[in-house]
Protein backbone atom coordinates (compact mmCIF):
# COMPACT_ATOMS: atom_id res chain seq x y z
CA MET A 1 43.06 -57.86 22.63
CA GLN A 2 40.84 -54.15 22.81
CA ASN A 3 38.16 -54.57 20.55
CA THR A 4 37.93 -51.22 18.03
CA GLY A 5 35.37 -52.50 15.01
CA GLY A 6 32.42 -51.31 17.13
CA LYS A 7 33.94 -47.99 17.70
CA THR A 8 35.21 -47.53 14.14
CA LYS A 9 31.71 -47.98 13.46
CA SER A 10 30.07 -45.86 15.70
CA LYS A 11 32.83 -43.01 14.46
CA ILE A 12 31.55 -43.52 10.71
CA LYS A 13 27.90 -43.61 11.47
CA THR A 14 28.06 -40.74 13.77
CA VAL A 15 30.16 -39.20 10.12
CA PHE A 16 26.93 -40.37 8.34
CA ILE A 17 24.61 -38.34 10.31
CA THR A 18 26.68 -35.35 10.19
CA VAL A 19 26.60 -35.07 6.80
CA ILE A 20 23.48 -36.56 5.94
CA ALA A 21 22.52 -33.48 8.39
CA SER A 22 24.42 -30.35 7.12
CA VAL A 23 23.59 -31.02 3.43
CA LEU A 24 19.60 -30.66 4.95
CA PHE A 25 20.45 -27.39 6.15
CA ILE A 26 22.61 -26.34 3.99
CA PHE A 27 19.59 -27.12 1.36
CA THR A 28 16.88 -25.86 3.32
CA LEU A 29 18.68 -22.26 3.38
CA PHE A 30 19.02 -22.45 -0.57
CA ILE A 31 15.41 -23.50 -1.32
CA THR A 32 14.31 -21.01 1.45
CA PHE A 33 16.71 -18.04 0.60
CA GLY A 34 17.80 -18.73 -2.88
CA LYS A 35 13.95 -17.62 -4.89
CA SER A 36 15.60 -14.00 -5.06
CA PHE A 37 18.15 -15.01 -7.50
CA GLY A 38 16.62 -17.48 -9.47
CA ALA A 39 17.25 -20.99 -7.86
CA PRO A 40 14.13 -23.25 -7.31
CA GLY A 41 11.57 -22.46 -4.66
CA TRP A 42 9.44 -24.95 -1.99
CA SER A 43 6.66 -24.89 -4.34
CA ASP A 44 9.10 -26.81 -7.59
CA VAL A 45 9.95 -28.89 -4.02
CA TYR A 46 6.48 -29.56 -3.52
CA SER A 47 5.70 -29.64 -7.91
CA LEU A 48 8.42 -32.45 -8.16
CA PHE A 49 6.70 -34.12 -5.53
CA GLY A 50 3.12 -33.82 -6.95
CA VAL A 51 2.79 -31.97 -3.32
CA SER A 52 -0.40 -28.98 -4.77
CA GLU A 53 1.09 -25.75 -3.01
CA ASN A 54 -2.48 -25.04 -1.33
CA LEU A 55 -2.03 -27.72 0.47
CA ASN A 56 -5.31 -29.52 -0.03
CA ALA A 57 -7.39 -26.26 1.89
CA ASP A 58 -10.87 -26.20 1.16
CA PHE A 59 -10.40 -22.96 -0.23
CA SER A 60 -7.06 -21.03 -1.04
CA ALA A 61 -6.34 -17.23 -2.18
CA SER A 62 -3.02 -16.76 -4.73
CA PHE A 63 -1.93 -13.64 -4.69
CA LEU A 64 0.31 -14.11 -8.00
CA SER A 65 3.56 -12.53 -8.27
CA VAL A 66 3.40 -10.14 -11.31
CA GLY A 67 5.13 -7.57 -11.15
CA ASN A 68 3.77 -4.65 -11.09
CA ALA A 69 0.23 -6.01 -12.00
CA ASP A 70 -2.14 -7.29 -10.13
CA ALA A 71 -3.55 -11.30 -10.76
CA CYS A 72 -5.16 -13.50 -8.04
CA PHE A 73 -6.49 -17.11 -8.33
CA ILE A 74 -9.24 -18.24 -5.94
CA GLN A 75 -9.27 -22.02 -5.48
CA CYS A 76 -12.78 -22.99 -3.35
CA GLY A 77 -13.70 -26.70 -3.85
CA ASP A 78 -14.49 -27.46 -7.72
CA LYS A 79 -14.73 -24.00 -8.17
CA ASN A 80 -11.56 -21.58 -9.92
CA LEU A 81 -11.96 -18.00 -10.10
CA VAL A 82 -9.47 -15.38 -11.06
CA ILE A 83 -8.93 -11.86 -10.28
CA ASP A 84 -7.07 -9.75 -13.24
CA THR A 85 -5.27 -11.19 -14.99
CA GLY A 86 -1.59 -9.10 -14.83
CA LEU A 87 0.24 -7.69 -18.25
CA ARG A 88 0.40 -9.61 -20.71
CA ALA A 89 4.59 -9.84 -20.59
CA ASP A 90 4.10 -11.82 -17.74
CA TYR A 91 1.02 -13.98 -19.23
CA ASP A 92 4.16 -16.99 -18.78
CA LYS A 93 3.51 -16.87 -15.37
CA LEU A 94 0.18 -17.50 -14.66
CA SER A 95 0.01 -19.80 -17.20
CA SER A 96 2.11 -22.28 -15.88
CA PHE A 97 1.30 -21.36 -12.93
CA PHE A 98 -2.68 -23.16 -13.72
CA HIS A 99 -1.04 -26.04 -15.99
CA ARG A 100 0.81 -26.79 -12.73
CA HIS A 101 -2.36 -26.79 -11.15
CA ASN A 102 -4.28 -28.80 -13.33
CA ILE A 103 -6.51 -25.75 -13.72
CA THR A 104 -8.29 -26.61 -17.09
CA HIS A 105 -11.53 -24.27 -16.62
CA PHE A 106 -12.31 -21.42 -14.63
CA ASP A 107 -15.72 -20.59 -13.58
CA ALA A 108 -15.60 -16.93 -13.41
CA MET A 109 -12.88 -14.16 -14.20
CA ILE A 110 -13.44 -11.23 -12.84
CA LEU A 111 -11.86 -7.92 -13.98
CA SER A 112 -11.45 -5.05 -11.17
CA HIS A 113 -11.12 -2.41 -14.83
CA ALA A 114 -9.45 -2.21 -17.36
CA ASP A 115 -5.78 -1.17 -16.89
CA SER A 116 -3.24 -3.26 -18.73
CA ASP A 117 -1.96 -3.54 -15.52
CA HIS A 118 -5.06 -5.74 -14.91
CA ILE A 119 -6.54 -6.95 -17.69
CA GLY A 120 -3.08 -8.14 -19.63
CA GLY A 121 -3.21 -11.84 -19.76
CA ALA A 122 -7.10 -11.71 -19.73
CA SER A 123 -7.14 -12.74 -24.06
CA ASP A 124 -4.42 -15.06 -24.11
CA LEU A 125 -6.10 -16.67 -20.45
CA LEU A 126 -9.68 -16.66 -23.21
CA ASP A 127 -8.14 -18.33 -25.88
CA GLU A 128 -6.24 -21.27 -23.85
CA PHE A 129 -8.76 -21.94 -20.76
CA SER A 130 -12.54 -21.98 -20.77
CA VAL A 131 -14.00 -19.36 -19.34
CA ASP A 132 -17.90 -19.58 -17.84
CA THR A 133 -18.40 -16.19 -16.99
CA ILE A 134 -16.52 -12.89 -17.20
CA TYR A 135 -17.04 -9.80 -15.06
CA MET A 136 -16.15 -6.37 -15.09
CA PRO A 137 -17.11 -2.46 -14.78
CA GLN A 138 -19.61 -0.88 -17.24
CA ILE A 139 -16.78 1.89 -18.58
CA PRO A 140 -18.00 5.23 -20.26
CA SER A 141 -17.48 5.92 -23.69
CA GLU A 142 -15.50 8.84 -22.56
CA GLN A 143 -13.08 5.86 -20.98
CA LEU A 144 -12.90 3.69 -22.85
CA PRO A 145 -8.83 2.48 -23.16
CA ASN A 146 -6.93 2.77 -26.36
CA SER A 147 -5.00 -0.46 -25.56
CA VAL A 148 -3.74 -3.04 -27.32
CA GLU A 149 -4.76 -5.04 -24.35
CA TYR A 150 -8.40 -3.64 -24.54
CA SER A 151 -8.62 -4.44 -27.65
CA ASN A 152 -7.55 -8.07 -27.39
CA LEU A 153 -9.92 -8.21 -24.55
CA VAL A 154 -12.55 -7.30 -26.93
CA ASN A 155 -11.75 -9.63 -30.02
CA SER A 156 -10.90 -12.29 -27.81
CA VAL A 157 -14.62 -11.96 -25.78
CA LYS A 158 -16.77 -12.42 -29.34
CA LYS A 159 -13.74 -14.83 -31.17
CA ASN A 160 -14.82 -17.09 -28.13
CA ASN A 161 -18.73 -16.52 -28.07
CA LEU A 162 -18.17 -15.19 -24.27
CA ASP A 163 -20.85 -12.89 -22.91
CA VAL A 164 -19.43 -9.66 -20.26
CA THR A 165 -21.63 -9.46 -17.30
CA TYR A 166 -21.45 -5.67 -15.60
CA PRO A 167 -22.64 -6.01 -12.00
CA GLU A 168 -25.10 -3.56 -10.13
CA PHE A 169 -23.96 -1.75 -7.39
CA GLU A 170 -24.61 -3.75 -4.09
CA GLU A 171 -25.51 -7.12 -6.36
CA ASN A 172 -24.39 -10.29 -4.84
CA MET A 173 -24.02 -13.62 -6.07
CA ALA A 174 -23.12 -17.05 -5.15
CA ILE A 175 -19.97 -19.19 -6.89
CA GLY A 176 -20.03 -23.18 -5.18
CA ASP A 177 -19.47 -22.07 -0.96
CA LEU A 178 -18.50 -18.83 -2.37
CA SER A 179 -21.05 -15.49 -1.89
CA ILE A 180 -19.35 -12.49 -3.44
CA GLU A 181 -20.98 -8.69 -2.50
CA PHE A 182 -20.37 -5.87 -5.15
CA ILE A 183 -19.83 -2.89 -3.49
CA MET A 184 -18.29 -0.45 -5.48
CA PRO A 185 -19.26 1.64 -7.94
CA ASP A 186 -22.04 3.22 -7.00
CA LYS A 187 -22.05 5.91 -9.18
CA VAL A 188 -19.86 7.36 -12.82
CA TYR A 189 -16.56 8.46 -11.22
CA ASP A 190 -14.58 10.39 -13.32
CA ASN A 191 -11.49 7.80 -14.16
CA ILE A 192 -11.33 4.20 -14.71
CA ASN A 193 -9.11 3.24 -11.35
CA ASP A 194 -12.27 4.67 -9.60
CA ASN A 195 -14.00 2.81 -11.37
CA SER A 196 -13.06 -0.53 -10.66
CA LEU A 197 -15.31 -2.66 -8.72
CA VAL A 198 -14.62 -3.24 -5.37
CA PHE A 199 -16.20 -6.49 -3.73
CA LYS A 200 -16.44 -8.70 -0.89
CA LEU A 201 -15.32 -12.30 -1.25
CA ALA A 202 -16.39 -14.41 1.32
CA TYR A 203 -15.98 -18.17 2.15
CA LYS A 204 -18.06 -19.46 4.99
CA ASP A 205 -16.85 -17.29 8.44
CA ASN A 206 -13.51 -15.10 6.34
CA SER A 207 -14.34 -12.50 3.94
CA PHE A 208 -11.72 -11.07 1.00
CA LEU A 209 -12.02 -7.33 0.22
CA PHE A 210 -10.78 -7.16 -2.88
CA THR A 211 -10.52 -3.41 -3.70
CA GLY A 212 -9.41 -2.70 -7.67
CA ASP A 213 -6.82 0.66 -8.15
CA ILE A 214 -9.29 2.96 -6.28
CA SER A 215 -8.79 6.40 -4.95
CA SER A 216 -8.86 7.38 -1.14
CA LYS A 217 -12.35 9.61 -2.42
CA VAL A 218 -14.09 6.26 -3.07
CA GLU A 219 -12.82 4.87 0.14
CA GLU A 220 -14.42 7.46 1.94
CA ASP A 221 -17.50 7.05 -0.31
CA MET A 222 -17.91 3.51 0.73
CA ILE A 223 -17.37 4.89 4.56
CA ASN A 224 -20.26 7.53 3.96
CA SER A 225 -22.81 4.94 2.88
CA GLY A 226 -22.52 3.12 5.41
CA GLU A 227 -20.80 0.29 3.85
CA LYS A 228 -19.62 -2.99 5.65
CA LEU A 229 -15.96 -3.28 5.04
CA LYS A 230 -14.58 -4.97 8.27
CA SER A 231 -12.38 -8.13 6.22
CA ASP A 232 -10.13 -10.33 6.96
CA VAL A 233 -8.09 -9.86 4.47
CA LEU A 234 -7.44 -6.56 1.99
CA LYS A 235 -6.04 -6.52 -1.00
CA ALA A 236 -4.49 -3.38 -0.94
CA ALA A 237 -5.51 -0.57 -3.79
CA HIS A 238 -3.68 0.14 -6.58
CA HIS A 239 -0.07 -1.30 -6.15
CA GLY A 240 -0.06 0.51 -2.57
CA SER A 241 0.58 4.03 -4.37
CA LYS A 242 -0.03 7.28 -2.19
CA THR A 243 -3.49 8.32 -3.86
CA SER A 244 -4.87 5.21 -1.66
CA SER A 245 -5.34 3.35 1.78
CA SER A 246 -6.11 5.96 3.58
CA GLU A 247 -6.50 5.89 8.25
CA GLU A 248 -9.91 5.59 7.78
CA PHE A 249 -10.53 2.86 5.11
CA LEU A 250 -8.26 0.92 7.08
CA SER A 251 -9.69 1.58 10.19
CA ALA A 252 -13.34 0.60 8.89
CA VAL A 253 -11.89 -2.33 7.37
CA SER A 254 -9.60 -3.55 9.92
CA PRO A 255 -7.82 -6.60 8.44
CA LYS A 256 -5.58 -9.20 10.44
CA ILE A 257 -4.07 -9.85 6.73
CA THR A 258 -2.70 -7.85 3.64
CA VAL A 259 -1.57 -8.32 0.27
CA VAL A 260 0.28 -5.37 -1.66
CA SER A 261 0.62 -6.26 -5.37
CA SER A 262 3.64 -4.64 -7.14
CA GLY A 263 7.11 -5.22 -8.48
CA LYS A 264 10.55 -3.92 -7.27
CA SER A 265 11.36 -1.98 -10.15
CA ASN A 266 9.12 0.12 -9.64
CA GLY A 267 10.54 2.76 -8.15
CA SER A 268 6.96 4.71 -7.03
CA LEU A 269 4.67 1.76 -6.02
CA PRO A 270 4.07 0.70 -2.99
CA ASP A 271 4.58 3.76 -1.98
CA TYR A 272 6.54 4.20 1.23
CA THR A 273 4.01 6.00 3.70
CA THR A 274 1.66 4.38 2.50
CA MET A 275 3.36 0.80 3.66
CA ALA A 276 3.57 2.67 6.85
CA ARG A 277 -0.47 2.98 7.56
CA LEU A 278 -0.78 -0.50 6.03
CA ASN A 279 1.02 -1.99 8.49
CA LYS A 280 -0.31 -0.13 11.51
CA PHE A 281 -4.10 -0.96 11.01
CA SER A 282 -2.72 -4.93 9.63
CA SER A 283 -1.43 -8.11 11.97
CA GLU A 284 0.22 -9.13 8.49
CA LEU A 285 1.08 -7.33 6.17
CA TYR A 286 3.10 -9.10 2.41
CA SER A 287 4.30 -8.35 -0.77
CA THR A 288 4.10 -9.76 -3.79
CA ALA A 289 7.33 -7.97 -4.21
CA ASP A 290 9.33 -9.31 -1.34
CA ASP A 291 7.32 -12.39 -0.71
CA LYS A 292 6.83 -13.92 -4.71
CA THR A 293 3.16 -15.39 -4.85
CA VAL A 294 1.79 -14.99 -1.64
CA VAL A 295 -1.04 -18.41 -0.86
CA ILE A 296 -3.44 -17.52 1.92
CA THR A 297 -5.76 -20.72 2.62
CA SER A 298 -9.26 -21.36 5.23
CA ASP A 299 -10.69 -23.93 6.54
CA GLY A 300 -14.03 -21.33 6.73
CA ASN A 301 -12.84 -20.47 10.38
CA ASN A 302 -8.77 -19.94 10.40
CA LEU A 303 -6.28 -18.52 7.75
CA LYS A 304 -3.03 -19.81 7.21
CA VAL A 305 -0.16 -17.72 5.13
CA TYR A 306 2.29 -19.52 3.20
CA THR A 307 5.30 -17.51 1.04
CA GLY A 308 7.81 -17.46 -1.83
CA TYR A 309 6.32 -19.40 -4.06
């Protein structure tokens, strides 16, 4: 008599494995590509299981997806820095990101300049979290913003009894294992964008160059001054504007990785010719408009990039 029980069990096992594999495949596609239409992303999956997006790295720089604005979170050991704070309308994105990472305190807030798309969330952040020191450029009286965001920032600084530090040209400082050198402005420019703080942040052998909203005029001045601009990572100036990121400047920086912070809804930013230049001079080019939040981790020598958060 033929034994069919073993064959039946084998078929059931095969069907079961096939179904499970298909479900996992569809789930992976959904999580990987569904973010664009509001589906959960890998960061949500990680959070569900209590896994941090920075993958427990020694150092991480998270360029947050905040639309047509700038916001970056630096974590190095037990030190936390926030660089620019996006628009006030998008502050909930920052707040939820920090709460998801159990962040309650910042050792420093660096505001590159006082445009609303860089300081918009600053007052709310200062009211919600503790911040040791605020760094921002000295603003000439004729360039003081007449904006609600700037007024809110000033009021929050006073309310929380905080001091603002205005870094000097070529001033150096250390925060834990991080070193920061402020390399611009070296003089007063005639507009608030060109008076942005430009600084190089280094963790061991890796360096990051933050450029605010400077134009090619400031880039030229930095090159002519002999500043050592070469950096592993470049945060492209002014959201990829056509007024920034000249070939000469990009050649001097020679970045391995470039990140552009912009939103899809802004028709003029990033400029496609600027993106072409950035792509030419960078081994890897990322945009928060396309890649969502971009996380770069470092062990002090090697860099890894994670996107889609």
